[in-house]
Amino acid sequence: MLREIAEVIDLLDDPDVDGASVEAFLRSAGAMDVRTERVKGERGHTDFVRVCIRSDGAGPTLGIIGRLGGVGARPERLGLVSDADGAIVALACAAKLARAASRGDRLRGTVVVTTHVCPCSPIIPHEPVPFMGAPVDMETMNGHEVDPAADGILSIDATKGNWVVNRRGFAITPTVKEGWILPVSPDFLAIARNVSGEPPAVLPLATQDVTPYAAGFDHVNSILQPATATSAPVIGVATTAAVPVPGCAPYANDSTSLDQAARFCVAVASEFTAGRCRFFDEEGFKRLVDRYGSMAHLQASP
């Protein structure tokens, strides 16, 4: 998927990029159902993008969310920033799936890809390196990016500003559902292994990582914020590095890591919509809830 990655990087590395230009690119790749919406917040505006790749089959629906604060931090930083990874991967997936469908490789289910595009996002002080903020709040982002029809969600986020996963490439998280941090899906581990040709990396989670930002606790980043707004299972797809990289660092988007993460997401789309991989053990989850009760209170904002 290096073609799609390169095209999206070139598209987003433009100070004038907006929802309209992203929509034009996706339609040129064969996407038929593309919507954009500009939303204003206290710190500027951003353009939300939604792409739906439908099939004629009755398979499940997969949501793919590109999480980020912004693709650029202008005027403080010039160029595409590290934090743009989520948008790059998500939009590359949309382009790849649309092209595949136009060639006859149609999925058995539906994939909904969402993200947002803002070339002028704020920088937030953070240790060990600064993070990127967003023009709108997390509740607004979840409202535009979490599709209520999704049976499972992949949430892609640059996760390089830490000492938790210290390798270049991508990592996946345990499955999160209704406040529960469940075991890492064996099916998803197998797909990650096949895509990378290496042992899969897993991003560890603390309970506070799956609570809303509004709760006020430290989070590894926003990768699991979609899990606070849905009852569907969510797995994070984290682009990673061997050392901490600031979210506002320009030209820090590693094409190889992005390509691996994008191929992983497209492979999951193929397998999940065909019913060949599971986010979690449904019977095991039912027994957990029956014995210990609901953890859905962790999804609620204070």
Protein backbone atom coordinates (compact mmCIF):
# COMPACT_ATOMS: atom_id res chain seq x y z
CA MET A 1 0.00 0.00 0.00
CA LEU A 2 2.97 2.31 -0.42
CA ARG A 3 1.20 3.98 -3.34
CA GLU A 4 -1.79 4.99 -1.23
CA ILE A 5 0.43 6.02 1.69
CA ALA A 6 2.53 8.26 -0.56
CA GLU A 7 -0.55 9.80 -2.19
CA VAL A 8 -2.18 10.61 1.15
CA ILE A 9 1.04 12.04 2.62
CA ASP A 10 1.35 14.35 -0.39
CA LEU A 11 -2.32 15.30 -0.09
CA LEU A 12 -2.20 16.11 3.63
CA ASP A 13 1.18 17.88 3.51
CA ASP A 14 -0.49 21.01 2.17
CA PRO A 15 -1.27 24.06 4.30
CA ASP A 16 -4.56 24.43 2.40
CA VAL A 17 -5.74 20.82 2.72
CA ASP A 18 -9.40 20.52 3.67
CA GLY A 19 -12.32 18.13 3.50
CA ALA A 20 -13.10 19.08 -0.10
CA SER A 21 -9.64 18.17 -1.37
CA VAL A 22 -9.69 14.89 0.56
CA GLU A 23 -13.12 14.07 -0.85
CA ALA A 24 -11.91 14.77 -4.40
CA PHE A 25 -8.96 12.41 -3.89
CA LEU A 26 -11.14 9.61 -2.53
CA ARG A 27 -13.64 9.93 -5.35
CA SER A 28 -10.80 9.77 -7.87
CA ALA A 29 -9.81 6.48 -6.23
CA GLY A 30 -13.30 5.11 -6.82
CA ALA A 31 -15.09 5.88 -3.54
CA MET A 32 -18.75 6.61 -4.19
CA ASP A 33 -20.08 7.41 -0.71
CA VAL A 34 -17.97 10.25 0.74
CA ARG A 35 -19.18 12.97 3.09
CA THR A 36 -17.37 15.86 4.74
CA GLU A 37 -18.47 18.35 7.37
CA ARG A 38 -16.68 21.39 8.80
CA VAL A 39 -17.03 21.77 12.55
CA LYS A 40 -15.87 24.81 14.52
CA GLY A 41 -14.55 24.67 18.07
CA GLU A 42 -12.98 27.02 20.58
CA ARG A 43 -9.54 26.56 18.99
CA GLY A 44 -10.39 26.69 15.31
CA HIS A 45 -12.11 24.29 12.94
CA THR A 46 -11.60 20.90 11.37
CA ASP A 47 -13.18 18.94 8.52
CA PHE A 48 -14.58 15.51 9.35
CA VAL A 49 -14.45 12.92 6.57
CA ARG A 50 -16.62 9.80 6.29
CA VAL A 51 -16.18 7.16 3.59
CA CYS A 52 -18.43 4.14 3.26
CA ILE A 53 -17.34 1.15 1.15
CA ARG A 54 -20.41 -1.03 0.79
CA SER A 55 -20.83 -4.54 -0.53
CA ASP A 56 -23.74 -6.57 -1.78
CA GLY A 57 -23.21 -9.12 0.99
CA ALA A 58 -24.73 -9.34 4.44
CA GLY A 59 -21.46 -9.42 6.34
CA PRO A 60 -20.72 -7.30 9.41
CA THR A 61 -19.70 -3.64 9.40
CA LEU A 62 -16.17 -2.60 10.35
CA GLY A 63 -15.35 0.93 11.47
CA ILE A 64 -11.87 2.29 10.79
CA ILE A 65 -11.11 5.53 12.63
CA GLY A 66 -8.05 7.69 12.05
CA ARG A 67 -7.42 9.36 15.42
CA LEU A 68 -5.36 12.54 15.71
CA GLY A 69 -5.32 16.08 16.95
CA GLY A 70 -4.31 17.51 13.58
CA VAL A 71 -2.26 16.84 10.46
CA GLY A 72 -0.35 20.08 10.99
CA ALA A 73 0.60 22.48 13.78
CA ARG A 74 0.84 25.67 11.78
CA PRO A 75 2.03 28.34 12.36
CA GLU A 76 4.31 26.89 15.10
CA ARG A 77 5.46 24.00 12.87
CA LEU A 78 5.52 23.67 9.10
CA GLY A 79 4.71 20.47 7.26
CA LEU A 80 2.96 17.22 8.09
CA VAL A 81 3.40 16.26 11.75
CA SER A 82 3.90 12.89 13.45
CA ASP A 83 0.36 13.02 14.82
CA ALA A 84 -1.02 12.75 11.28
CA ASP A 85 -0.36 8.98 11.19
CA GLY A 86 -3.95 8.08 12.07
CA ALA A 87 -5.41 10.13 9.23
CA ILE A 88 -2.78 8.90 6.76
CA VAL A 89 -3.49 5.24 7.47
CA ALA A 90 -7.27 5.61 7.55
CA LEU A 91 -7.46 7.53 4.27
CA ALA A 92 -5.00 5.16 2.60
CA CYS A 93 -7.24 2.27 3.66
CA ALA A 94 -10.28 4.01 2.19
CA ALA A 95 -8.49 4.59 -1.12
CA LYS A 96 -7.20 1.00 -1.26
CA LEU A 97 -10.58 -0.56 -0.48
CA ALA A 98 -12.35 1.69 -3.00
CA ARG A 99 -9.86 0.77 -5.73
CA ALA A 100 -10.14 -2.91 -4.87
CA ALA A 101 -13.93 -2.75 -5.08
CA SER A 102 -13.79 -1.02 -8.46
CA ARG A 103 -11.60 -3.87 -9.71
CA GLY A 104 -14.01 -6.51 -8.51
CA ASP A 105 -12.54 -7.40 -5.09
CA ARG A 106 -15.62 -6.56 -3.06
CA LEU A 107 -15.81 -7.25 0.67
CA ARG A 108 -18.63 -9.37 2.07
CA GLY A 109 -19.57 -6.62 4.52
CA THR A 110 -19.28 -2.86 4.86
CA VAL A 111 -16.36 -0.68 5.95
CA VAL A 112 -16.86 2.85 7.26
CA VAL A 113 -13.70 4.97 7.42
CA THR A 114 -13.74 8.21 9.40
CA THR A 115 -11.16 10.81 10.39
CA HIS A 116 -10.71 14.57 10.44
CA VAL A 117 -8.36 16.98 8.68
CA CYS A 118 -6.93 20.10 10.32
CA PRO A 119 -3.60 21.63 9.19
CA CYS A 120 -3.54 24.18 12.05
CA SER A 121 -4.00 22.30 15.34
CA PRO A 122 -2.63 23.44 18.73
CA ILE A 123 0.35 21.92 20.55
CA ILE A 124 -0.18 20.64 24.12
CA PRO A 125 2.69 20.38 26.66
CA HIS A 126 3.21 16.76 27.74
CA GLU A 127 5.92 14.49 29.10
CA PRO A 128 8.11 12.95 27.78
CA VAL A 129 7.27 14.88 24.58
CA PRO A 130 4.55 17.36 23.52
CA PHE A 131 1.22 16.10 22.16
CA MET A 132 -1.06 17.61 19.55
CA GLY A 133 -4.39 19.05 20.56
CA ALA A 134 -7.52 19.37 18.42
CA PRO A 135 -9.78 22.31 17.53
CA VAL A 136 -12.83 20.44 18.88
CA ASP A 137 -13.41 18.40 22.04
CA MET A 138 -13.34 14.62 22.28
CA GLU A 139 -17.10 14.25 22.58
CA THR A 140 -17.50 16.07 19.27
CA MET A 141 -14.84 13.92 17.65
CA ASN A 142 -16.45 10.70 18.83
CA GLY A 143 -19.82 11.93 17.63
CA HIS A 144 -18.52 12.33 14.09
CA GLU A 145 -16.12 9.39 13.94
CA VAL A 146 -17.79 6.51 15.81
CA ASP A 147 -20.35 4.90 13.51
CA PRO A 148 -23.28 3.43 15.48
CA ALA A 149 -23.70 0.67 12.87
CA ALA A 150 -20.17 -0.70 13.39
CA ASP A 151 -19.92 -4.26 14.71
CA GLY A 152 -16.24 -3.72 15.48
CA ILE A 153 -13.86 -0.75 15.31
CA LEU A 154 -10.18 -0.26 14.58
CA SER A 155 -8.84 2.99 16.04
CA ILE A 156 -5.55 4.12 14.48
CA ASP A 157 -3.37 6.60 16.34
CA ALA A 158 0.26 7.73 16.36
CA THR A 159 1.54 6.30 19.66
CA LYS A 160 5.17 7.35 19.61
CA GLY A 161 5.35 9.82 22.51
CA ASN A 162 6.15 7.26 25.22
CA TRP A 163 8.57 4.61 26.49
CA VAL A 164 5.92 1.87 26.50
CA VAL A 165 6.39 0.31 23.05
CA ASN A 166 9.96 0.85 21.84
CA ARG A 167 10.07 -0.51 18.32
CA ARG A 168 9.38 0.89 14.89
CA GLY A 169 6.24 -0.40 13.21
CA PHE A 170 2.80 -0.84 14.69
CA ALA A 171 1.23 -2.44 17.74
CA ILE A 172 -2.29 -3.51 18.58
CA THR A 173 -4.12 -3.20 21.87
CA PRO A 174 -6.23 -5.66 23.80
CA THR A 175 -9.88 -5.53 22.82
CA VAL A 176 -11.91 -2.96 24.78
CA LYS A 177 -15.67 -3.39 25.11
CA GLU A 178 -18.05 -1.50 27.38
CA GLY A 179 -15.32 -0.62 29.84
CA TRP A 180 -13.76 -4.07 29.95
CA ILE A 181 -10.14 -4.56 28.81
CA LEU A 182 -10.37 -8.04 27.30
CA PRO A 183 -7.61 -10.44 26.16
CA VAL A 184 -5.72 -9.63 22.98
CA SER A 185 -7.54 -11.26 20.07
CA PRO A 186 -5.60 -14.31 18.77
CA ASP A 187 -7.08 -13.71 15.31
CA PHE A 188 -5.76 -10.16 15.21
CA LEU A 189 -2.36 -11.26 16.49
CA ALA A 190 -2.18 -13.73 13.61
CA ILE A 191 -3.06 -11.02 11.06
CA ALA A 192 -0.44 -8.67 12.56
CA ARG A 193 2.14 -11.45 12.37
CA ASN A 194 1.33 -12.21 8.75
CA VAL A 195 1.39 -8.56 7.69
CA SER A 196 4.66 -7.60 9.40
CA GLY A 197 6.53 -10.89 9.11
CA GLU A 198 7.62 -10.36 12.71
CA PRO A 199 6.37 -11.18 16.21
CA PRO A 200 3.38 -8.90 16.86
CA ALA A 201 3.70 -6.01 19.30
CA VAL A 202 1.00 -5.28 21.87
CA LEU A 203 0.36 -1.86 23.41
CA PRO A 204 -0.43 -2.32 27.12
CA LEU A 205 -3.41 -0.52 28.58
CA ALA A 206 -4.32 0.74 32.04
CA THR A 207 -7.94 1.07 33.12
CA GLN A 208 -7.71 4.86 32.97
CA ASP A 209 -6.75 4.62 29.27
CA VAL A 210 -10.31 3.49 28.50
CA THR A 211 -12.03 6.29 30.42
CA PRO A 212 -13.19 9.53 28.73
CA TYR A 213 -10.71 12.40 28.53
CA ALA A 214 -13.20 14.46 30.54
CA ALA A 215 -12.55 12.21 33.54
CA GLY A 216 -9.22 14.01 33.93
CA PHE A 217 -6.82 11.06 34.15
CA ASP A 218 -3.60 10.58 32.18
CA HIS A 219 -4.05 8.54 29.01
CA VAL A 220 -1.46 6.91 26.78
CA ASN A 221 -3.21 8.97 24.04
CA SER A 222 -6.64 9.13 22.39
CA ILE A 223 -6.41 5.69 20.77
CA LEU A 224 -9.18 4.15 22.91
CA GLN A 225 -11.45 7.18 23.18
CA PRO A 226 -13.83 5.68 20.59
CA ALA A 227 -14.45 2.85 23.07
CA THR A 228 -16.11 5.34 25.42
CA ALA A 229 -18.81 6.09 22.84
CA THR A 230 -19.92 2.66 21.64
CA SER A 231 -20.89 -0.81 22.81
CA ALA A 232 -18.98 -2.32 19.88
CA PRO A 233 -15.56 -3.88 20.54
CA VAL A 234 -12.61 -1.60 19.77
CA ILE A 235 -8.98 -2.48 19.03
CA GLY A 236 -6.32 0.20 18.84
CA VAL A 237 -3.77 0.18 16.01
CA ALA A 238 -0.77 2.18 17.21
CA THR A 239 2.03 3.40 14.96
CA THR A 240 5.18 3.16 17.06
CA ALA A 241 8.84 4.18 17.16
CA ALA A 242 11.99 3.07 18.98
CA VAL A 243 12.28 6.39 20.84
CA PRO A 244 9.72 9.00 21.99
CA VAL A 245 8.69 11.23 19.08
CA PRO A 246 6.64 14.40 19.71
CA GLY A 247 3.23 14.49 18.08
CA CYS A 248 4.12 17.92 16.71
CA ALA A 249 7.39 16.73 15.12
CA PRO A 250 7.31 17.56 11.40
CA TYR A 251 8.21 14.98 8.73
CA ALA A 252 8.28 12.15 11.29
CA ASN A 253 5.84 9.85 9.47
CA ASP A 254 7.63 6.57 8.76
CA SER A 255 6.32 5.15 5.48
CA THR A 256 7.20 1.55 6.35
CA SER A 257 5.32 1.69 9.65
CA LEU A 258 2.35 3.37 7.98
CA ASP A 259 2.30 0.78 5.21
CA GLN A 260 2.31 -2.09 7.72
CA ALA A 261 -0.48 -0.54 9.78
CA ALA A 262 -2.58 0.13 6.67
CA ARG A 263 -2.11 -3.40 5.32
CA PHE A 264 -3.10 -4.74 8.72
CA CYS A 265 -6.34 -2.73 8.69
CA VAL A 266 -7.21 -3.80 5.13
CA ALA A 267 -6.47 -7.44 5.98
CA VAL A 268 -8.74 -7.16 9.03
CA ALA A 269 -11.46 -5.64 6.82
CA SER A 270 -11.24 -8.62 4.49
CA GLU A 271 -11.27 -11.23 7.26
CA PHE A 272 -13.76 -9.60 9.64
CA THR A 273 -16.41 -8.84 7.03
CA ALA A 274 -16.10 -12.46 5.85
CA GLY A 275 -16.63 -13.73 9.38
CA ARG A 276 -13.17 -15.22 9.68
CA CYS A 277 -11.83 -13.28 12.68
CA ARG A 278 -13.24 -12.19 16.03
CA PHE A 279 -12.56 -9.17 18.19
CA PHE A 280 -13.34 -11.11 21.37
CA ASP A 281 -14.76 -14.31 22.81
CA GLU A 282 -18.48 -13.58 23.17
CA GLU A 283 -19.17 -16.44 25.56
CA GLY A 284 -16.19 -15.49 27.73
CA PHE A 285 -17.36 -11.87 27.83
CA LYS A 286 -20.86 -12.94 28.86
CA ARG A 287 -19.46 -14.99 31.75
CA LEU A 288 -17.33 -12.04 32.89
CA VAL A 289 -20.34 -9.72 33.00
CA ASP A 290 -22.54 -12.34 34.66
CA ARG A 291 -20.00 -12.85 37.43
CA TYR A 292 -18.54 -9.37 37.94
CA GLY A 293 -21.13 -7.03 36.49
CA SER A 294 -21.03 -4.26 33.94
CA MET A 295 -18.02 -1.96 33.54
CA ALA A 296 -19.95 0.48 31.34
CA HIS A 297 -19.69 3.16 34.05
CA LEU A 298 -16.07 3.62 32.90
CA GLN A 299 -17.40 4.91 29.58
CA ALA A 300 -19.36 7.75 31.17
CA SER A 301 -18.06 11.30 31.42
CA PRO A 302 -18.22 12.87 34.89
